[in-house]
PDB file of all heavy atoms in Angstrom:
ATOM      1  N   LEU A   1      11.463  -8.358  -3.326  1.00  0.00           N
ATOM      2  CA  LEU A   1      11.774  -9.528  -4.082  1.00  0.00           C
ATOM      3  C   LEU A   1      10.550 -10.177  -4.716  1.00  0.00           C
ATOM      4  O   LEU A   1      10.710 -11.122  -5.548  1.00  0.00           O
ATOM      5  CB  LEU A   1      12.469 -10.612  -3.208  1.00  0.00           C
ATOM      6  CG  LEU A   1      13.893 -10.130  -2.681  1.00  0.00           C
ATOM      7  CD1 LEU A   1      14.431 -11.209  -1.860  1.00  0.00           C
ATOM      8  CD2 LEU A   1      14.800  -9.810  -3.840  1.00  0.00           C
ATOM      9  N   LEU A   2       9.377  -9.768  -4.379  1.00  0.00           N
ATOM     10  CA  LEU A   2       8.162 -10.278  -5.065  1.00  0.00           C
ATOM     11  C   LEU A   2       8.105  -9.798  -6.489  1.00  0.00           C
ATOM     12  O   LEU A   2       8.464  -8.712  -6.814  1.00  0.00           O
ATOM     13  CB  LEU A   2       6.916  -9.830  -4.280  1.00  0.00           C
ATOM     14  CG  LEU A   2       6.737 -10.326  -2.874  1.00  0.00           C
ATOM     15  CD1 LEU A   2       5.597  -9.658  -2.169  1.00  0.00           C
ATOM     16  CD2 LEU A   2       6.467 -11.854  -2.897  1.00  0.00           C
ATOM     17  N   PRO A   3       7.682 -10.710  -7.376  1.00  0.00           N
ATOM     18  CA  PRO A   3       7.646 -10.353  -8.810  1.00  0.00           C
ATOM     19  C   PRO A   3       6.681  -9.174  -9.035  1.00  0.00           C
ATOM     20  O   PRO A   3       5.622  -9.108  -8.442  1.00  0.00           O
ATOM     21  CB  PRO A   3       7.117 -11.654  -9.508  1.00  0.00           C
ATOM     22  CG  PRO A   3       7.199 -12.687  -8.494  1.00  0.00           C
ATOM     23  CD  PRO A   3       7.253 -12.114  -7.123  1.00  0.00           C
ATOM     24  N   LYS A   4       7.103  -8.216  -9.860  1.00  0.00           N
ATOM     25  CA  LYS A   4       6.373  -7.073 -10.285  1.00  0.00           C
ATOM     26  C   LYS A   4       6.016  -6.127  -9.169  1.00  0.00           C
ATOM     27  O   LYS A   4       5.025  -5.395  -9.304  1.00  0.00           O
ATOM     28  CB  LYS A   4       5.103  -7.539 -11.031  1.00  0.00           C
ATOM     29  CG  LYS A   4       5.382  -8.273 -12.263  1.00  0.00           C
ATOM     30  CD  LYS A   4       4.125  -8.754 -12.985  1.00  0.00           C
ATOM     31  CE  LYS A   4       4.436  -9.616 -14.180  1.00  0.00           C
ATOM     32  NZ  LYS A   4       3.246  -9.976 -14.864  1.00  0.00           N
ATOM     33  N   ILE A   5       6.755  -6.193  -8.077  1.00  0.00           N
ATOM     34  CA  ILE A   5       6.439  -5.315  -6.916  1.00  0.00           C
ATOM     35  C   ILE A   5       7.583  -4.249  -6.803  1.00  0.00           C
ATOM     36  O   ILE A   5       8.714  -4.589  -6.722  1.00  0.00           O
ATOM     37  CB  ILE A   5       6.344  -6.059  -5.533  1.00  0.00           C
ATOM     38  CG1 ILE A   5       5.274  -7.097  -5.642  1.00  0.00           C
ATOM     39  CG2 ILE A   5       6.181  -5.096  -4.416  1.00  0.00           C
ATOM     40  CD1 ILE A   5       3.880  -6.494  -5.700  1.00  0.00           C
ATOM     41  N   GLU A   6       7.206  -3.028  -6.994  1.00  0.00           N
ATOM     42  CA  GLU A   6       8.055  -1.881  -6.845  1.00  0.00           C
ATOM     43  C   GLU A   6       7.542  -1.005  -5.709  1.00  0.00           C
ATOM     44  O   GLU A   6       6.410  -1.206  -5.251  1.00  0.00           O
ATOM     45  CB  GLU A   6       8.124  -1.066  -8.167  1.00  0.00           C
ATOM     46  CG  GLU A   6       8.542  -1.898  -9.354  1.00  0.00           C
ATOM     47  CD  GLU A   6       8.250  -1.144 -10.629  1.00  0.00           C
ATOM     48  OE1 GLU A   6       7.612  -0.107 -10.643  1.00  0.00           O
ATOM     49  OE2 GLU A   6       8.756  -1.579 -11.659  1.00  0.00           O
ATOM     50  N   SER A   7       8.360  -0.054  -5.270  1.00  0.00           N
ATOM     51  CA  SER A   7       7.931   0.792  -4.127  1.00  0.00           C
ATOM     52  C   SER A   7       6.646   1.511  -4.440  1.00  0.00           C
ATOM     53  O   SER A   7       5.794   1.702  -3.528  1.00  0.00           O
ATOM     54  CB  SER A   7       9.027   1.777  -3.784  1.00  0.00           C
ATOM     55  OG  SER A   7       9.412   2.589  -4.865  1.00  0.00           O
ATOM     56  N   VAL A   8       6.371   1.914  -5.700  1.00  0.00           N
ATOM     57  CA  VAL A   8       5.186   2.560  -6.089  1.00  0.00           C
ATOM     58  C   VAL A   8       3.961   1.692  -5.881  1.00  0.00           C
ATOM     59  O   VAL A   8       2.943   2.082  -5.438  1.00  0.00           O
ATOM     60  CB  VAL A   8       5.278   3.095  -7.513  1.00  0.00           C
ATOM     61  CG1 VAL A   8       3.895   3.652  -8.003  1.00  0.00           C
ATOM     62  CG2 VAL A   8       6.353   4.142  -7.654  1.00  0.00           C
ATOM     63  N   VAL A   9       4.140   0.390  -6.231  1.00  0.00           N
ATOM     64  CA  VAL A   9       3.081  -0.545  -6.055  1.00  0.00           C
ATOM     65  C   VAL A   9       2.743  -0.807  -4.556  1.00  0.00           C
ATOM     66  O   VAL A   9       1.594  -0.842  -4.168  1.00  0.00           O
ATOM     67  CB  VAL A   9       3.394  -1.929  -6.706  1.00  0.00           C
ATOM     68  CG1 VAL A   9       2.391  -2.973  -6.478  1.00  0.00           C
ATOM     69  CG2 VAL A   9       3.584  -1.749  -8.273  1.00  0.00           C
ATOM     70  N   ILE A  10       3.797  -0.892  -3.770  1.00  0.00           N
ATOM     71  CA  ILE A  10       3.628  -1.076  -2.292  1.00  0.00           C
ATOM     72  C   ILE A  10       2.832   0.175  -1.744  1.00  0.00           C
ATOM     73  O   ILE A  10       1.930  -0.021  -0.967  1.00  0.00           O
ATOM     74  CB  ILE A  10       4.980  -1.232  -1.607  1.00  0.00           C
ATOM     75  CG1 ILE A  10       5.541  -2.565  -2.080  1.00  0.00           C
ATOM     76  CG2 ILE A  10       4.778  -1.232  -0.110  1.00  0.00           C
ATOM     77  CD1 ILE A  10       7.002  -2.784  -1.591  1.00  0.00           C
ATOM     78  N   LEU A  11       3.198   1.378  -2.115  1.00  0.00           N
ATOM     79  CA  LEU A  11       2.509   2.529  -1.634  1.00  0.00           C
ATOM     80  C   LEU A  11       1.078   2.546  -2.122  1.00  0.00           C
ATOM     81  O   LEU A  11       0.122   2.939  -1.370  1.00  0.00           O
ATOM     82  CB  LEU A  11       3.237   3.811  -2.102  1.00  0.00           C
ATOM     83  CG  LEU A  11       4.671   4.046  -1.483  1.00  0.00           C
ATOM     84  CD1 LEU A  11       5.269   5.265  -2.026  1.00  0.00           C
ATOM     85  CD2 LEU A  11       4.545   4.048   0.034  1.00  0.00           C
ATOM     86  N   SER A  12       0.779   2.067  -3.299  1.00  0.00           N
ATOM     87  CA  SER A  12      -0.542   1.984  -3.849  1.00  0.00           C
ATOM     88  C   SER A  12      -1.378   1.021  -3.021  1.00  0.00           C
ATOM     89  O   SER A  12      -2.530   1.234  -2.589  1.00  0.00           O
ATOM     90  CB  SER A  12      -0.569   1.577  -5.207  1.00  0.00           C
ATOM     91  OG  SER A  12      -1.856   1.400  -5.785  1.00  0.00           O
ATOM     92  N   VAL A  13      -0.733  -0.058  -2.645  1.00  0.00           N
ATOM     93  CA  VAL A  13      -1.423  -1.111  -1.853  1.00  0.00           C
ATOM     94  C   VAL A  13      -1.782  -0.541  -0.436  1.00  0.00           C
ATOM     95  O   VAL A  13      -2.841  -0.707   0.111  1.00  0.00           O
ATOM     96  CB  VAL A  13      -0.580  -2.377  -1.727  1.00  0.00           C
ATOM     97  CG1 VAL A  13      -1.044  -3.344  -0.628  1.00  0.00           C
ATOM     98  CG2 VAL A  13      -0.488  -3.098  -2.984  1.00  0.00           C
ATOM     99  N   VAL A  14      -0.802   0.202   0.067  1.00  0.00           N
ATOM    100  CA  VAL A  14      -0.985   0.881   1.435  1.00  0.00           C
ATOM    101  C   VAL A  14      -2.186   1.833   1.358  1.00  0.00           C
ATOM    102  O   VAL A  14      -3.069   1.888   2.280  1.00  0.00           O
ATOM    103  CB  VAL A  14       0.205   1.552   1.926  1.00  0.00           C
ATOM    104  CG1 VAL A  14      -0.051   2.472   3.075  1.00  0.00           C
ATOM    105  CG2 VAL A  14       1.368   0.520   2.226  1.00  0.00           C
ATOM    106  N   VAL A  15      -2.305   2.595   0.297  1.00  0.00           N
ATOM    107  CA  VAL A  15      -3.462   3.493   0.195  1.00  0.00           C
ATOM    108  C   VAL A  15      -4.744   2.754   0.046  1.00  0.00           C
ATOM    109  O   VAL A  15      -5.743   3.106   0.710  1.00  0.00           O
ATOM    110  CB  VAL A  15      -3.266   4.462  -1.051  1.00  0.00           C
ATOM    111  CG1 VAL A  15      -4.523   5.238  -1.364  1.00  0.00           C
ATOM    112  CG2 VAL A  15      -2.135   5.412  -0.858  1.00  0.00           C
ATOM    113  N   ASP A  16      -4.750   1.650  -0.686  1.00  0.00           N
ATOM    114  CA  ASP A  16      -5.913   0.890  -0.837  1.00  0.00           C
ATOM    115  C   ASP A  16      -6.330   0.171   0.568  1.00  0.00           C
ATOM    116  O   ASP A  16      -7.483   0.121   0.929  1.00  0.00           O
ATOM    117  CB  ASP A  16      -5.708  -0.288  -1.782  1.00  0.00           C
ATOM    118  CG  ASP A  16      -5.631   0.204  -3.231  1.00  0.00           C
ATOM    119  OD1 ASP A  16      -6.026   1.343  -3.513  1.00  0.00           O
ATOM    120  OD2 ASP A  16      -5.165  -0.598  -4.062  1.00  0.00           O
ATOM    121  N   LEU A  17      -5.274  -0.211   1.338  1.00  0.00           N
ATOM    122  CA  LEU A  17      -5.589  -0.746   2.703  1.00  0.00           C
ATOM    123  C   LEU A  17      -6.182   0.299   3.596  1.00  0.00           C
ATOM    124  O   LEU A  17      -7.043   0.044   4.349  1.00  0.00           O
ATOM    125  CB  LEU A  17      -4.274  -1.359   3.260  1.00  0.00           C
ATOM    126  CG  LEU A  17      -3.787  -2.624   2.641  1.00  0.00           C
ATOM    127  CD1 LEU A  17      -2.367  -2.973   3.098  1.00  0.00           C
ATOM    128  CD2 LEU A  17      -4.726  -3.803   2.909  1.00  0.00           C
ATOM    129  N   GLU A  18      -5.647   1.515   3.551  1.00  0.00           N
ATOM    130  CA  GLU A  18      -6.182   2.664   4.320  1.00  0.00           C
ATOM    131  C   GLU A  18      -7.624   2.798   4.042  1.00  0.00           C
ATOM    132  O   GLU A  18      -8.470   2.941   4.967  1.00  0.00           O
ATOM    133  CB  GLU A  18      -5.423   3.945   4.019  1.00  0.00           C
ATOM    134  CG  GLU A  18      -4.072   3.998   4.634  1.00  0.00           C
ATOM    135  CD  GLU A  18      -3.391   5.307   4.346  1.00  0.00           C
ATOM    136  OE1 GLU A  18      -3.420   5.755   3.208  1.00  0.00           O
ATOM    137  OE2 GLU A  18      -2.766   5.863   5.292  1.00  0.00           O
ATOM    138  N   ASP A  19      -8.020   2.763   2.798  1.00  0.00           N
ATOM    139  CA  ASP A  19      -9.347   2.991   2.438  1.00  0.00           C
ATOM    140  C   ASP A  19     -10.197   1.802   2.821  1.00  0.00           C
ATOM    141  O   ASP A  19     -11.328   2.009   3.374  1.00  0.00           O
ATOM    142  CB  ASP A  19      -9.516   3.123   0.886  1.00  0.00           C
ATOM    143  CG  ASP A  19      -8.905   4.454   0.386  1.00  0.00           C
ATOM    144  OD1 ASP A  19      -8.706   5.371   1.215  1.00  0.00           O
ATOM    145  OD2 ASP A  19      -8.627   4.543  -0.810  1.00  0.00           O
ATOM    146  N   ALA A  20      -9.751   0.595   2.595  1.00  0.00           N
ATOM    147  CA  ALA A  20     -10.547  -0.623   2.909  1.00  0.00           C
ATOM    148  C   ALA A  20     -10.697  -0.800   4.407  1.00  0.00           C
ATOM    149  O   ALA A  20     -11.763  -1.258   4.854  1.00  0.00           O
ATOM    150  CB  ALA A  20      -9.878  -1.811   2.290  1.00  0.00           C
ATOM    151  N   LEU A  21      -9.693  -0.441   5.202  1.00  0.00           N
ATOM    152  CA  LEU A  21      -9.694  -0.700   6.632  1.00  0.00           C
ATOM    153  C   LEU A  21     -10.087   0.539   7.468  1.00  0.00           C
ATOM    154  O   LEU A  21     -10.126   0.466   8.661  1.00  0.00           O
ATOM    155  CB  LEU A  21      -8.376  -1.208   7.081  1.00  0.00           C
ATOM    156  CG  LEU A  21      -7.940  -2.565   6.424  1.00  0.00           C
ATOM    157  CD1 LEU A  21      -6.475  -2.897   6.803  1.00  0.00           C
ATOM    158  CD2 LEU A  21      -8.897  -3.689   6.776  1.00  0.00           C
ATOM    159  N   SER A  22     -10.262   1.681   6.776  1.00  0.00           N
ATOM    160  CA  SER A  22     -10.549   2.946   7.453  1.00  0.00           C
ATOM    161  C   SER A  22      -9.512   3.218   8.569  1.00  0.00           C
ATOM    162  O   SER A  22      -9.876   3.507   9.740  1.00  0.00           O
ATOM    163  CB  SER A  22     -11.961   2.996   8.030  1.00  0.00           C
ATOM    164  OG  SER A  22     -12.920   2.806   7.070  1.00  0.00           O
ATOM    165  N   VAL A  23      -8.250   3.110   8.191  1.00  0.00           N
ATOM    166  CA  VAL A  23      -7.167   3.369   9.138  1.00  0.00           C
ATOM    167  C   VAL A  23      -6.119   4.285   8.395  1.00  0.00           C
ATOM    168  O   VAL A  23      -5.912   4.185   7.263  1.00  0.00           O
ATOM    169  CB  VAL A  23      -6.458   1.972   9.523  1.00  0.00           C
ATOM    170  CG1 VAL A  23      -5.868   1.312   8.425  1.00  0.00           C
ATOM    171  CG2 VAL A  23      -5.480   2.206  10.669  1.00  0.00           C
ATOM    172  N   ALA A  24      -5.499   5.144   9.214  1.00  0.00           N
ATOM    173  CA  ALA A  24      -4.448   6.009   8.713  1.00  0.00           C
ATOM    174  C   ALA A  24      -3.113   5.309   8.945  1.00  0.00           C
ATOM    175  O   ALA A  24      -2.743   4.981  10.100  1.00  0.00           O
ATOM    176  CB  ALA A  24      -4.441   7.326   9.387  1.00  0.00           C
ATOM    177  N   ILE A  25      -2.391   4.985   7.888  1.00  0.00           N
ATOM    178  CA  ILE A  25      -1.121   4.329   8.032  1.00  0.00           C
ATOM    179  C   ILE A  25      -0.025   5.421   7.866  1.00  0.00           C
ATOM    180  O   ILE A  25       0.124   6.017   6.848  1.00  0.00           O
ATOM    181  CB  ILE A  25      -1.042   3.235   6.965  1.00  0.00           C
ATOM    182  CG1 ILE A  25      -2.148   2.183   7.111  1.00  0.00           C
ATOM    183  CG2 ILE A  25       0.373   2.567   7.001  1.00  0.00           C
ATOM    184  CD1 ILE A  25      -2.227   1.193   5.990  1.00  0.00           C
ATOM    185  N   PRO A  26       0.799   5.594   8.915  1.00  0.00           N
ATOM    186  CA  PRO A  26       1.906   6.592   8.827  1.00  0.00           C
ATOM    187  C   PRO A  26       2.837   6.325   7.616  1.00  0.00           C
ATOM    188  O   PRO A  26       3.015   5.095   7.296  1.00  0.00           O
ATOM    189  CB  PRO A  26       2.568   6.433  10.122  1.00  0.00           C
ATOM    190  CG  PRO A  26       1.595   5.837  11.112  1.00  0.00           C
ATOM    191  CD  PRO A  26       0.701   4.947  10.299  1.00  0.00           C
ATOM    192  N   ASP A  27       3.370   7.322   7.081  1.00  0.00           N
ATOM    193  CA  ASP A  27       4.281   7.198   5.943  1.00  0.00           C
ATOM    194  C   ASP A  27       5.447   6.262   6.130  1.00  0.00           C
ATOM    195  O   ASP A  27       5.918   5.668   5.198  1.00  0.00           O
ATOM    196  CB  ASP A  27       4.754   8.561   5.490  1.00  0.00           C
ATOM    197  CG  ASP A  27       3.604   9.464   4.940  1.00  0.00           C
ATOM    198  OD1 ASP A  27       2.586   8.905   4.520  1.00  0.00           O
ATOM    199  OD2 ASP A  27       3.773  10.690   4.946  1.00  0.00           O
TER     200      ASP A  27
END
């Protein structure tokens, strides 16, 4: 429900978080 947020954007954020936090986030 957040403006301009689609599943592709959420997945992109997750990848960025993995890189920034050096953590593997399960799919």
